[in-house]
Amino acid sequence: MRLLKIVPDNTNLPFVSLRKWAFALTMLLSIAAIALVFTQRLNLGVDFVGGLMIEEKFSSPPSTDKLRQAVDRLNLGEARLQTVGTDGKTISIKLPPPKSNEKDATNKVVQAVQVAVNKVYPDATFSKQDAVSGKVSGELIQNGILAVVLAVLGIGLFAIVRFEWQFGVSTVVAIVHDVLMTLGFFALTQLEFDLNIVAAVLTIIGYSINDKIVIDDRIRENMRRYRKMEMPQIIDLSVNETLPRTVMTSLTILLALFALLIFGGHVLRAFTAAMILGVFVGTYSSIYVSSSLLISLGLRAEPKGEATATAAAAKAERVAFKDIP
C-alpha cells in the first residue's frame, strides 16, 4: 500500500532566495497589525474591562437601536451591544459594574435587563452572563501580558541554551510576529478578546516553537554534517527535509480546528479563529522568518577564517554522505 505523500521526498524549494521579500512582507504586516491595535482597538471582553455581559437570543435578528433604547431606559450606564455569531440572532449586552454593593445586585440588573428586553422582543431568551469587577479585570490584564512575555522570553532563552544565540533571537522575532498577527486580526475583526484568546495566543506560541525547534535542530545537524556547505544551502536543505512533517502536522491540526469552527458554536468561534490563524502564521514564520533570519544574524557553518567550499564541492559532499551505507 502506497503512503500518502503531500510533499515529495525530493522537494528542493529555494526558500532562502525569497528571504528579502519575506522580510519585507513580515515588516509590513507587523506595522499594519500595530496600527490596527492602536487605531481600531481590541474589543476587550468583560474579563479585561470589568462589568456585566448579558447574552440574549432572538428568533430573528433584532434591531440594535430598539434594543439599545430599551436598555438605556434602565439608567444602568453606557450599554455596548454586539452581534455574536453569523446569524445575527444572538446579541451581547455589556454594561458597567452594578453601582450597588449588594450581594444580589448583579442578579437584579440581569432581571431588569431581561424584563426590558422582553417588553420589546417577547421571544428573547436569556443565554448567559459574566460579571467581573474592575479590580479583578486589571489583575487579569497584568497576568495575561505577563504570561505572554514570560513565555516568549523563556522560549528564546531555551533556544539560546539549546543551540546558539542566533537561534534564540530568530525564534523570539518569529514568535513576536505571530503574536502581532493575532492581535491585528482581532483588532480588524473586532471579535471579543478575552481570557480564552490569551490561552489561544499561548497555544499559538507553543505550536510555533514546535515547528521552529524541529527546523533549527535539523539546521544544526546539517551544519555539523556539511561543514563546507554555505549557510543558505544548509537552511534550504534543512527546511526542505522537514517540510513534509511541517505540512502534514499543519493540515491535521487545521482539520480539527475547522471542524471545531463549524460545529463548536459561537462560544468557541473566536478561540478557534485565533488558532487557525496561528497555524498559518506560525508555519510561515518558521519557514521564511526564523530560518532565513539566521543568515542575517551571521550564523556560519564553519569557524571564521576557514575558506568556504564551492557549490560543486558542497554538492559532492552531500551526495557522498548519502551514499554511505
C-alpha atoms as a PDB file:
ATOM      1  CA  MET A   1       0.000   0.000   0.000  1.00  0.00           C
ATOM      2  CA  ARG A   2       1.442   3.356  -1.042  1.00  0.00           C
ATOM      3  CA  LEU A   3       1.666   6.010   1.622  1.00  0.00           C
ATOM      4  CA  LEU A   4       0.073   9.386   1.003  1.00  0.00           C
ATOM      5  CA  LYS A   5       2.786  11.965   0.398  1.00  0.00           C
ATOM      6  CA  ILE A   6       1.608  15.538   0.146  1.00  0.00           C
ATOM      7  CA  VAL A   7       5.178  16.796  -0.210  1.00  0.00           C
ATOM      8  CA  PRO A   8       7.536  14.662  -2.355  1.00  0.00           C
ATOM      9  CA  ASP A   9      10.760  13.424  -0.779  1.00  0.00           C
ATOM     10  CA  ASN A  10      12.939  15.132  -3.387  1.00  0.00           C
ATOM     11  CA  THR A  11      11.457  18.596  -2.816  1.00  0.00           C
ATOM     12  CA  ASN A  12      14.051  21.330  -3.268  1.00  0.00           C
ATOM     13  CA  LEU A  13      12.316  24.703  -2.946  1.00  0.00           C
ATOM     14  CA  PRO A  14      14.527  27.841  -2.782  1.00  0.00           C
ATOM     15  CA  PHE A  15      13.152  29.351   0.435  1.00  0.00           C
ATOM     16  CA  VAL A  16      16.235  31.420   1.255  1.00  0.00           C
ATOM     17  CA  SER A  17      16.206  33.199  -2.110  1.00  0.00           C
ATOM     18  CA  LEU A  18      12.871  34.752  -1.137  1.00  0.00           C
ATOM     19  CA  ARG A  19      14.005  35.948   2.271  1.00  0.00           C
ATOM     20  CA  LYS A  20      14.169  39.649   1.338  1.00  0.00           C
ATOM     21  CA  TRP A  21      10.584  39.556   0.082  1.00  0.00           C
ATOM     22  CA  ALA A  22       9.555  37.594   3.172  1.00  0.00           C
ATOM     23  CA  PHE A  23      11.259  40.091   5.497  1.00  0.00           C
ATOM     24  CA  ALA A  24       9.552  42.997   3.729  1.00  0.00           C
ATOM     25  CA  LEU A  25       6.148  41.282   3.954  1.00  0.00           C
ATOM     26  CA  THR A  26       6.721  40.446   7.618  1.00  0.00           C
ATOM     27  CA  MET A  27       7.654  44.033   8.442  1.00  0.00           C
ATOM     28  CA  LEU A  28       4.658  45.395   6.533  1.00  0.00           C
ATOM     29  CA  LEU A  29       2.205  43.035   8.246  1.00  0.00           C
ATOM     30  CA  SER A  30       3.682  43.744  11.681  1.00  0.00           C
ATOM     31  CA  ILE A  31       3.384  47.511  11.225  1.00  0.00           C
ATOM     32  CA  ALA A  32      -0.182  47.099   9.941  1.00  0.00           C
ATOM     33  CA  ALA A  33      -1.080  44.949  12.958  1.00  0.00           C
ATOM     34  CA  ILE A  34       0.328  47.500  15.414  1.00  0.00           C
ATOM     35  CA  ALA A  35      -1.522  50.311  13.619  1.00  0.00           C
ATOM     36  CA  LEU A  36      -4.797  48.377  13.785  1.00  0.00           C
ATOM     37  CA  VAL A  37      -4.400  47.736  17.507  1.00  0.00           C
ATOM     38  CA  PHE A  38      -3.841  51.446  18.226  1.00  0.00           C
ATOM     39  CA  THR A  39      -6.487  52.796  15.838  1.00  0.00           C
ATOM     40  CA  GLN A  40      -9.269  50.202  15.886  1.00  0.00           C
ATOM     41  CA  ARG A  41      -8.563  48.986  19.419  1.00  0.00           C
ATOM     42  CA  LEU A  42      -9.243  45.488  20.661  1.00  0.00           C
ATOM     43  CA  ASN A  43     -12.807  44.570  21.551  1.00  0.00           C
ATOM     44  CA  LEU A  44     -11.890  43.638  25.122  1.00  0.00           C
ATOM     45  CA  GLY A  45     -14.242  41.286  26.910  1.00  0.00           C
ATOM     46  CA  VAL A  46     -15.616  41.657  30.392  1.00  0.00           C
ATOM     47  CA  ASP A  47     -12.595  39.739  31.691  1.00  0.00           C
ATOM     48  CA  PHE A  48     -10.372  42.753  30.929  1.00  0.00           C
ATOM     49  CA  VAL A  49     -12.591  45.816  31.184  1.00  0.00           C
ATOM     50  CA  GLY A  50     -14.810  44.740  34.073  1.00  0.00           C
ATOM     51  CA  GLY A  51     -18.575  44.998  34.176  1.00  0.00           C
ATOM     52  CA  LEU A  52     -21.511  42.801  33.249  1.00  0.00           C
ATOM     53  CA  MET A  53     -22.073  40.934  29.997  1.00  0.00           C
ATOM     54  CA  ILE A  54     -25.507  39.522  29.146  1.00  0.00           C
ATOM     55  CA  GLU A  55     -26.313  37.468  26.062  1.00  0.00           C
ATOM     56  CA  GLU A  56     -29.823  37.374  24.636  1.00  0.00           C
ATOM     57  CA  LYS A  57     -31.057  35.051  21.900  1.00  0.00           C
ATOM     58  CA  PHE A  58     -33.832  36.011  19.476  1.00  0.00           C
ATOM     59  CA  SER A  59     -35.899  34.091  16.954  1.00  0.00           C
ATOM     60  CA  SER A  60     -34.861  36.565  14.248  1.00  0.00           C
ATOM     61  CA  PRO A  61     -32.176  39.291  14.083  1.00  0.00           C
ATOM     62  CA  PRO A  62     -33.385  42.213  16.243  1.00  0.00           C
ATOM     63  CA  SER A  63     -32.936  45.937  15.743  1.00  0.00           C
ATOM     64  CA  THR A  64     -29.948  47.031  17.805  1.00  0.00           C
ATOM     65  CA  ASP A  65     -31.333  50.576  18.032  1.00  0.00           C
ATOM     66  CA  LYS A  66     -34.573  49.401  19.665  1.00  0.00           C
ATOM     67  CA  LEU A  67     -32.639  47.088  21.940  1.00  0.00           C
ATOM     68  CA  ARG A  68     -30.241  49.855  22.983  1.00  0.00           C
ATOM     69  CA  GLN A  69     -33.122  52.220  23.746  1.00  0.00           C
ATOM     70  CA  ALA A  70     -34.802  49.598  25.926  1.00  0.00           C
ATOM     71  CA  VAL A  71     -31.614  49.041  27.941  1.00  0.00           C
ATOM     72  CA  ASP A  72     -30.777  52.772  28.197  1.00  0.00           C
ATOM     73  CA  ARG A  73     -34.128  53.451  29.855  1.00  0.00           C
ATOM     74  CA  LEU A  74     -32.900  51.488  32.874  1.00  0.00           C
ATOM     75  CA  ASN A  75     -30.137  54.066  33.522  1.00  0.00           C
ATOM     76  CA  LEU A  76     -27.542  51.371  34.190  1.00  0.00           C
ATOM     77  CA  GLY A  77     -24.752  53.195  32.374  1.00  0.00           C
ATOM     78  CA  GLU A  78     -23.471  53.114  28.830  1.00  0.00           C
ATOM     79  CA  ALA A  79     -24.504  49.874  27.127  1.00  0.00           C
ATOM     80  CA  ARG A  80     -22.429  48.293  24.362  1.00  0.00           C
ATOM     81  CA  LEU A  81     -24.239  45.923  22.020  1.00  0.00           C
ATOM     82  CA  GLN A  82     -22.504  43.438  19.735  1.00  0.00           C
ATOM     83  CA  THR A  83     -23.823  40.720  17.464  1.00  0.00           C
ATOM     84  CA  VAL A  84     -22.498  37.268  18.327  1.00  0.00           C
ATOM     85  CA  GLY A  85     -22.290  34.619  15.622  1.00  0.00           C
ATOM     86  CA  THR A  86     -23.068  34.821  11.949  1.00  0.00           C
ATOM     87  CA  ASP A  87     -26.864  34.537  12.032  1.00  0.00           C
ATOM     88  CA  GLY A  88     -27.334  37.792  13.977  1.00  0.00           C
ATOM     89  CA  LYS A  89     -29.806  36.198  16.392  1.00  0.00           C
ATOM     90  CA  THR A  90     -27.600  36.478  19.488  1.00  0.00           C
ATOM     91  CA  ILE A  91     -26.773  39.887  20.983  1.00  0.00           C
ATOM     92  CA  SER A  92     -24.174  40.590  23.663  1.00  0.00           C
ATOM     93  CA  ILE A  93     -25.093  43.458  26.027  1.00  0.00           C
ATOM     94  CA  LYS A  94     -22.158  44.886  28.007  1.00  0.00           C
ATOM     95  CA  LEU A  95     -22.842  47.133  30.982  1.00  0.00           C
ATOM     96  CA  PRO A  96     -20.687  48.808  33.659  1.00  0.00           C
ATOM     97  CA  PRO A  97     -20.440  47.059  37.039  1.00  0.00           C
ATOM     98  CA  PRO A  98     -23.565  47.468  39.226  1.00  0.00           C
ATOM     99  CA  LYS A  99     -23.430  50.616  41.357  1.00  0.00           C
ATOM    100  CA  SER A 100     -24.928  48.852  44.365  1.00  0.00           C
ATOM    101  CA  ASN A 101     -22.715  46.744  46.624  1.00  0.00           C
ATOM    102  CA  GLU A 102     -25.494  44.312  47.475  1.00  0.00           C
ATOM    103  CA  LYS A 103     -24.740  40.632  47.017  1.00  0.00           C
ATOM    104  CA  ASP A 104     -27.579  40.121  44.547  1.00  0.00           C
ATOM    105  CA  ALA A 105     -27.020  43.418  42.699  1.00  0.00           C
ATOM    106  CA  THR A 106     -25.832  41.585  39.579  1.00  0.00           C
ATOM    107  CA  ASN A 107     -28.909  39.327  39.544  1.00  0.00           C
ATOM    108  CA  LYS A 108     -31.181  42.349  39.893  1.00  0.00           C
ATOM    109  CA  VAL A 109     -29.515  44.055  36.915  1.00  0.00           C
ATOM    110  CA  VAL A 110     -29.838  40.895  34.819  1.00  0.00           C
ATOM    111  CA  GLN A 111     -33.524  40.556  35.712  1.00  0.00           C
ATOM    112  CA  ALA A 112     -34.169  44.205  34.924  1.00  0.00           C
ATOM    113  CA  VAL A 113     -32.486  43.888  31.524  1.00  0.00           C
ATOM    114  CA  GLN A 114     -34.404  40.703  30.807  1.00  0.00           C
ATOM    115  CA  VAL A 115     -37.737  42.383  31.567  1.00  0.00           C
ATOM    116  CA  ALA A 116     -36.871  45.448  29.477  1.00  0.00           C
ATOM    117  CA  VAL A 117     -35.800  43.344  26.510  1.00  0.00           C
ATOM    118  CA  ASN A 118     -38.880  41.116  26.703  1.00  0.00           C
ATOM    119  CA  LYS A 119     -41.147  44.160  26.506  1.00  0.00           C
ATOM    120  CA  VAL A 120     -39.722  44.921  23.074  1.00  0.00           C
ATOM    121  CA  TYR A 121     -38.984  41.351  21.987  1.00  0.00           C
ATOM    122  CA  PRO A 122     -41.178  38.830  23.853  1.00  0.00           C
ATOM    123  CA  ASP A 123     -39.404  35.918  22.153  1.00  0.00           C
ATOM    124  CA  ALA A 124     -35.986  36.884  23.602  1.00  0.00           C
ATOM    125  CA  THR A 125     -34.411  34.274  25.876  1.00  0.00           C
ATOM    126  CA  PHE A 126     -31.558  34.673  28.342  1.00  0.00           C
ATOM    127  CA  SER A 127     -28.395  32.875  27.205  1.00  0.00           C
ATOM    128  CA  LYS A 128     -25.609  33.580  29.707  1.00  0.00           C
ATOM    129  CA  GLN A 129     -23.988  36.245  31.871  1.00  0.00           C
ATOM    130  CA  ASP A 130     -20.479  37.169  33.029  1.00  0.00           C
ATOM    131  CA  ALA A 131     -19.552  39.647  35.735  1.00  0.00           C
ATOM    132  CA  VAL A 132     -16.055  40.883  36.644  1.00  0.00           C
ATOM    133  CA  SER A 133     -15.104  43.729  38.968  1.00  0.00           C
ATOM    134  CA  GLY A 134     -12.777  46.498  37.846  1.00  0.00           C
ATOM    135  CA  LYS A 135     -10.013  45.406  40.254  1.00  0.00           C
ATOM    136  CA  VAL A 136     -10.109  41.815  39.060  1.00  0.00           C
ATOM    137  CA  SER A 137     -10.094  42.870  35.405  1.00  0.00           C
ATOM    138  CA  GLY A 138      -6.944  44.957  35.970  1.00  0.00           C
ATOM    139  CA  GLU A 139      -5.206  41.975  37.548  1.00  0.00           C
ATOM    140  CA  LEU A 140      -6.253  39.759  34.646  1.00  0.00           C
ATOM    141  CA  ILE A 141      -4.741  42.185  32.126  1.00  0.00           C
ATOM    142  CA  GLN A 142      -1.439  42.247  34.003  1.00  0.00           C
ATOM    143  CA  ASN A 143      -1.347  38.468  34.401  1.00  0.00           C
ATOM    144  CA  GLY A 144      -2.247  37.911  30.745  1.00  0.00           C
ATOM    145  CA  ILE A 145       0.514  40.210  29.480  1.00  0.00           C
ATOM    146  CA  LEU A 146       2.990  38.723  31.949  1.00  0.00           C
ATOM    147  CA  ALA A 147       2.170  35.178  30.819  1.00  0.00           C
ATOM    148  CA  VAL A 148       2.781  36.015  27.153  1.00  0.00           C
ATOM    149  CA  VAL A 149       6.003  37.952  27.818  1.00  0.00           C
ATOM    150  CA  LEU A 150       7.449  35.233  30.060  1.00  0.00           C
ATOM    151  CA  ALA A 151       6.542  32.560  27.518  1.00  0.00           C
ATOM    152  CA  VAL A 152       8.352  34.418  24.716  1.00  0.00           C
ATOM    153  CA  LEU A 153      11.437  35.168  26.837  1.00  0.00           C
ATOM    154  CA  GLY A 154      11.558  31.630  28.209  1.00  0.00           C
ATOM    155  CA  ILE A 155      11.420  30.116  24.730  1.00  0.00           C
ATOM    156  CA  GLY A 156      14.112  32.488  23.471  1.00  0.00           C
ATOM    157  CA  LEU A 157      16.379  31.605  26.410  1.00  0.00           C
ATOM    158  CA  PHE A 158      15.830  27.904  25.783  1.00  0.00           C
ATOM    159  CA  ALA A 159      16.792  28.312  22.119  1.00  0.00           C
ATOM    160  CA  ILE A 160      19.978  30.169  23.105  1.00  0.00           C
ATOM    161  CA  VAL A 161      20.977  27.440  25.588  1.00  0.00           C
ATOM    162  CA  ARG A 162      19.960  24.598  23.291  1.00  0.00           C
ATOM    163  CA  PHE A 163      21.551  25.985  20.120  1.00  0.00           C
ATOM    164  CA  GLU A 164      23.287  29.359  19.691  1.00  0.00           C
ATOM    165  CA  TRP A 165      22.295  32.955  20.347  1.00  0.00           C
ATOM    166  CA  GLN A 166      21.291  33.469  16.697  1.00  0.00           C
ATOM    167  CA  PHE A 167      18.644  30.766  17.049  1.00  0.00           C
ATOM    168  CA  GLY A 168      17.249  32.437  20.172  1.00  0.00           C
ATOM    169  CA  VAL A 169      16.980  35.862  18.532  1.00  0.00           C
ATOM    170  CA  SER A 170      15.369  34.496  15.360  1.00  0.00           C
ATOM    171  CA  THR A 171      12.886  32.467  17.410  1.00  0.00           C
ATOM    172  CA  VAL A 172      11.830  35.470  19.507  1.00  0.00           C
ATOM    173  CA  VAL A 173      11.407  37.620  16.379  1.00  0.00           C
ATOM    174  CA  ALA A 174       9.227  34.972  14.728  1.00  0.00           C
ATOM    175  CA  ILE A 175       7.067  34.475  17.830  1.00  0.00           C
ATOM    176  CA  VAL A 176       6.575  38.226  18.288  1.00  0.00           C
ATOM    177  CA  HIS A 177       5.446  38.321  14.645  1.00  0.00           C
ATOM    178  CA  ASP A 178       2.903  35.540  15.350  1.00  0.00           C
ATOM    179  CA  VAL A 179       1.533  37.379  18.394  1.00  0.00           C
ATOM    180  CA  LEU A 180       1.265  40.670  16.490  1.00  0.00           C
ATOM    181  CA  MET A 181      -0.617  38.953  13.654  1.00  0.00           C
ATOM    182  CA  THR A 182      -3.115  37.575  16.167  1.00  0.00           C
ATOM    183  CA  LEU A 183      -3.642  40.961  17.830  1.00  0.00           C
ATOM    184  CA  GLY A 184      -4.030  42.662  14.465  1.00  0.00           C
ATOM    185  CA  PHE A 185      -6.581  40.072  13.372  1.00  0.00           C
ATOM    186  CA  PHE A 186      -8.720  40.685  16.461  1.00  0.00           C
ATOM    187  CA  ALA A 187      -8.442  44.449  16.060  1.00  0.00           C
ATOM    188  CA  LEU A 188      -9.556  44.142  12.434  1.00  0.00           C
ATOM    189  CA  THR A 189     -12.455  41.722  13.000  1.00  0.00           C
ATOM    190  CA  GLN A 190     -13.498  43.169  16.387  1.00  0.00           C
ATOM    191  CA  LEU A 191     -14.030  39.671  17.752  1.00  0.00           C
ATOM    192  CA  GLU A 192     -14.173  39.692  21.529  1.00  0.00           C
ATOM    193  CA  PHE A 193     -10.734  39.458  23.125  1.00  0.00           C
ATOM    194  CA  ASP A 194     -10.966  37.722  26.495  1.00  0.00           C
ATOM    195  CA  LEU A 195      -9.023  35.217  28.586  1.00  0.00           C
ATOM    196  CA  ASN A 196      -9.847  32.450  26.105  1.00  0.00           C
ATOM    197  CA  ILE A 197      -7.923  34.356  23.449  1.00  0.00           C
ATOM    198  CA  VAL A 198      -4.946  34.765  25.793  1.00  0.00           C
ATOM    199  CA  ALA A 199      -4.995  30.975  26.104  1.00  0.00           C
ATOM    200  CA  ALA A 200      -5.157  30.774  22.298  1.00  0.00           C
ATOM    201  CA  VAL A 201      -2.139  33.097  21.980  1.00  0.00           C
ATOM    202  CA  LEU A 202      -0.121  30.935  24.386  1.00  0.00           C
ATOM    203  CA  THR A 203      -1.172  27.832  22.430  1.00  0.00           C
ATOM    204  CA  ILE A 204      -0.094  29.507  19.173  1.00  0.00           C
ATOM    205  CA  ILE A 205       3.292  30.263  20.731  1.00  0.00           C
ATOM    206  CA  GLY A 206       3.617  26.615  21.750  1.00  0.00           C
ATOM    207  CA  TYR A 207       2.710  25.399  18.268  1.00  0.00           C
ATOM    208  CA  SER A 208       5.082  27.853  16.583  1.00  0.00           C
ATOM    209  CA  ILE A 209       8.026  26.891  18.744  1.00  0.00           C
ATOM    210  CA  ASN A 210       7.375  23.225  17.980  1.00  0.00           C
ATOM    211  CA  ASP A 211       7.940  23.852  14.265  1.00  0.00           C
ATOM    212  CA  LYS A 212      10.863  26.183  14.853  1.00  0.00           C
ATOM    213  CA  ILE A 213      12.740  23.803  17.156  1.00  0.00           C
ATOM    214  CA  VAL A 214      12.391  20.934  14.678  1.00  0.00           C
ATOM    215  CA  ILE A 215      13.775  23.049  11.824  1.00  0.00           C
ATOM    216  CA  ASP A 216      16.514  24.589  13.986  1.00  0.00           C
ATOM    217  CA  ASP A 217      17.607  21.156  15.176  1.00  0.00           C
ATOM    218  CA  ARG A 218      17.870  19.934  11.580  1.00  0.00           C
ATOM    219  CA  ILE A 219      19.845  23.066  10.643  1.00  0.00           C
ATOM    220  CA  ARG A 220      22.314  22.406  13.454  1.00  0.00           C
ATOM    221  CA  GLU A 221      22.682  18.767  12.407  1.00  0.00           C
ATOM    222  CA  ASN A 222      23.364  19.743   8.807  1.00  0.00           C
ATOM    223  CA  MET A 223      25.850  22.403   9.916  1.00  0.00           C
ATOM    224  CA  ARG A 224      27.909  19.630  11.532  1.00  0.00           C
ATOM    225  CA  ARG A 225      27.345  17.248   8.636  1.00  0.00           C
ATOM    226  CA  TYR A 226      28.153  19.602   5.752  1.00  0.00           C
ATOM    227  CA  ARG A 227      30.801  21.878   7.209  1.00  0.00           C
ATOM    228  CA  LYS A 228      31.887  23.260   3.830  1.00  0.00           C
ATOM    229  CA  MET A 229      28.400  23.940   2.544  1.00  0.00           C
ATOM    230  CA  GLU A 230      27.330  27.565   2.561  1.00  0.00           C
ATOM    231  CA  MET A 231      24.690  28.649   5.066  1.00  0.00           C
ATOM    232  CA  PRO A 232      21.884  29.431   2.582  1.00  0.00           C
ATOM    233  CA  GLN A 233      22.243  25.939   1.130  1.00  0.00           C
ATOM    234  CA  ILE A 234      22.140  24.361   4.579  1.00  0.00           C
ATOM    235  CA  ILE A 235      18.975  26.235   5.502  1.00  0.00           C
ATOM    236  CA  ASP A 236      17.249  25.361   2.228  1.00  0.00           C
ATOM    237  CA  LEU A 237      18.243  21.731   2.689  1.00  0.00           C
ATOM    238  CA  SER A 238      17.026  21.632   6.306  1.00  0.00           C
ATOM    239  CA  VAL A 239      13.683  23.310   5.598  1.00  0.00           C
ATOM    240  CA  ASN A 240      13.027  21.018   2.642  1.00  0.00           C
ATOM    241  CA  GLU A 241      13.889  17.943   4.704  1.00  0.00           C
ATOM    242  CA  THR A 242      11.421  18.919   7.439  1.00  0.00           C
ATOM    243  CA  LEU A 243       8.780  20.286   5.043  1.00  0.00           C
ATOM    244  CA  PRO A 244       6.729  17.036   4.782  1.00  0.00           C
ATOM    245  CA  ARG A 245       6.423  16.859   8.557  1.00  0.00           C
ATOM    246  CA  THR A 246       5.562  20.563   8.826  1.00  0.00           C
ATOM    247  CA  VAL A 247       2.848  20.396   6.164  1.00  0.00           C
ATOM    248  CA  MET A 248       1.308  17.174   7.478  1.00  0.00           C
ATOM    249  CA  THR A 249       1.218  18.479  11.061  1.00  0.00           C
ATOM    250  CA  SER A 250      -0.379  21.749   9.989  1.00  0.00           C
ATOM    251  CA  LEU A 251      -3.017  20.029   7.833  1.00  0.00           C
ATOM    252  CA  THR A 252      -4.088  17.591  10.538  1.00  0.00           C
ATOM    253  CA  ILE A 253      -4.387  20.389  13.085  1.00  0.00           C
ATOM    254  CA  LEU A 254      -6.385  22.502  10.621  1.00  0.00           C
ATOM    255  CA  LEU A 255      -8.822  19.640  10.025  1.00  0.00           C
ATOM    256  CA  ALA A 256      -9.621  19.518  13.738  1.00  0.00           C
ATOM    257  CA  LEU A 257      -9.821  23.305  14.019  1.00  0.00           C
ATOM    258  CA  PHE A 258     -12.161  23.739  11.044  1.00  0.00           C
ATOM    259  CA  ALA A 259     -14.451  21.066  12.496  1.00  0.00           C
ATOM    260  CA  LEU A 260     -14.442  22.979  15.785  1.00  0.00           C
ATOM    261  CA  LEU A 261     -15.098  26.249  13.938  1.00  0.00           C
ATOM    262  CA  ILE A 262     -18.137  24.803  12.148  1.00  0.00           C
ATOM    263  CA  PHE A 263     -19.675  22.745  14.938  1.00  0.00           C
ATOM    264  CA  GLY A 264     -18.263  24.339  18.105  1.00  0.00           C
ATOM    265  CA  GLY A 265     -20.763  27.207  18.287  1.00  0.00           C
ATOM    266  CA  HIS A 266     -20.148  30.908  18.737  1.00  0.00           C
ATOM    267  CA  VAL A 267     -18.667  30.467  22.219  1.00  0.00           C
ATOM    268  CA  LEU A 268     -15.546  28.831  20.750  1.00  0.00           C
ATOM    269  CA  ARG A 269     -15.556  30.671  17.431  1.00  0.00           C
ATOM    270  CA  ALA A 270     -13.081  33.423  18.393  1.00  0.00           C
ATOM    271  CA  PHE A 271     -10.730  30.931  20.067  1.00  0.00           C
ATOM    272  CA  THR A 272     -10.832  28.628  17.030  1.00  0.00           C
ATOM    273  CA  ALA A 273     -10.325  31.505  14.586  1.00  0.00           C
ATOM    274  CA  ALA A 274      -7.243  32.587  16.531  1.00  0.00           C
ATOM    275  CA  MET A 275      -5.858  29.053  16.440  1.00  0.00           C
ATOM    276  CA  ILE A 276      -6.427  28.688  12.675  1.00  0.00           C
ATOM    277  CA  LEU A 277      -4.667  31.992  12.047  1.00  0.00           C
ATOM    278  CA  GLY A 278      -1.864  30.889  14.369  1.00  0.00           C
ATOM    279  CA  VAL A 279      -1.259  27.699  12.384  1.00  0.00           C
ATOM    280  CA  PHE A 280      -0.851  29.660   9.141  1.00  0.00           C
ATOM    281  CA  VAL A 281       1.348  32.453  10.526  1.00  0.00           C
ATOM    282  CA  GLY A 282       3.336  30.026  12.674  1.00  0.00           C
ATOM    283  CA  THR A 283       4.146  27.825   9.692  1.00  0.00           C
ATOM    284  CA  TYR A 284       5.047  30.870   7.589  1.00  0.00           C
ATOM    285  CA  SER A 285       7.294  32.389  10.256  1.00  0.00           C
ATOM    286  CA  SER A 286       9.052  29.068  10.899  1.00  0.00           C
ATOM    287  CA  ILE A 287       9.970  28.664   7.241  1.00  0.00           C
ATOM    288  CA  TYR A 288      10.533  32.203   5.980  1.00  0.00           C
ATOM    289  CA  VAL A 289      11.292  34.338   9.047  1.00  0.00           C
ATOM    290  CA  SER A 290      13.028  32.316  11.739  1.00  0.00           C
ATOM    291  CA  SER A 291      15.220  30.189   9.462  1.00  0.00           C
ATOM    292  CA  SER A 292      16.257  32.850   6.947  1.00  0.00           C
ATOM    293  CA  LEU A 293      16.988  35.364   9.705  1.00  0.00           C
ATOM    294  CA  LEU A 294      19.886  33.163  10.817  1.00  0.00           C
ATOM    295  CA  ILE A 295      21.808  34.293   7.732  1.00  0.00           C
ATOM    296  CA  SER A 296      21.310  37.972   8.543  1.00  0.00           C
ATOM    297  CA  LEU A 297      22.468  37.312  12.108  1.00  0.00           C
ATOM    298  CA  GLY A 298      25.779  35.936  10.819  1.00  0.00           C
ATOM    299  CA  LEU A 299      25.416  32.234  11.640  1.00  0.00           C
ATOM    300  CA  ARG A 300      28.152  30.216   9.936  1.00  0.00           C
ATOM    301  CA  ALA A 301      28.540  26.533   9.279  1.00  0.00           C
ATOM    302  CA  GLU A 302      32.285  26.682   9.920  1.00  0.00           C
ATOM    303  CA  PRO A 303      34.625  28.817  12.087  1.00  0.00           C
ATOM    304  CA  LYS A 304      35.754  32.197  10.770  1.00  0.00           C
ATOM    305  CA  GLY A 305      38.972  32.103   8.781  1.00  0.00           C
ATOM    306  CA  GLU A 306      38.312  28.785   7.014  1.00  0.00           C
ATOM    307  CA  ALA A 307      37.760  29.026   3.305  1.00  0.00           C
ATOM    308  CA  THR A 308      34.274  28.180   2.158  1.00  0.00           C
ATOM    309  CA  ALA A 309      33.830  25.445  -0.416  1.00  0.00           C
ATOM    310  CA  THR A 310      32.383  25.998  -3.791  1.00  0.00           C
ATOM    311  CA  ALA A 311      28.839  24.960  -4.609  1.00  0.00           C
ATOM    312  CA  ALA A 312      30.094  21.938  -6.566  1.00  0.00           C
ATOM    313  CA  ALA A 313      32.188  20.711  -3.650  1.00  0.00           C
ATOM    314  CA  ALA A 314      29.295  21.148  -1.246  1.00  0.00           C
ATOM    315  CA  LYS A 315      27.018  19.172  -3.556  1.00  0.00           C
ATOM    316  CA  ALA A 316      29.604  16.408  -3.903  1.00  0.00           C
ATOM    317  CA  GLU A 317      29.980  16.216  -0.114  1.00  0.00           C
ATOM    318  CA  ARG A 318      26.241  15.874   0.323  1.00  0.00           C
ATOM    319  CA  VAL A 319      25.984  13.127  -2.312  1.00  0.00           C
ATOM    320  CA  ALA A 320      28.931  11.245  -0.836  1.00  0.00           C
ATOM    321  CA  PHE A 321      27.341  11.316   2.608  1.00  0.00           C
ATOM    322  CA  LYS A 322      24.086   9.909   1.288  1.00  0.00           C
ATOM    323  CA  ASP A 323      25.964   7.033  -0.384  1.00  0.00           C
ATOM    324  CA  ILE A 324      27.440   5.830   2.915  1.00  0.00           C
ATOM    325  CA  PRO A 325      25.590   2.604   3.935  1.00  0.00           C
END
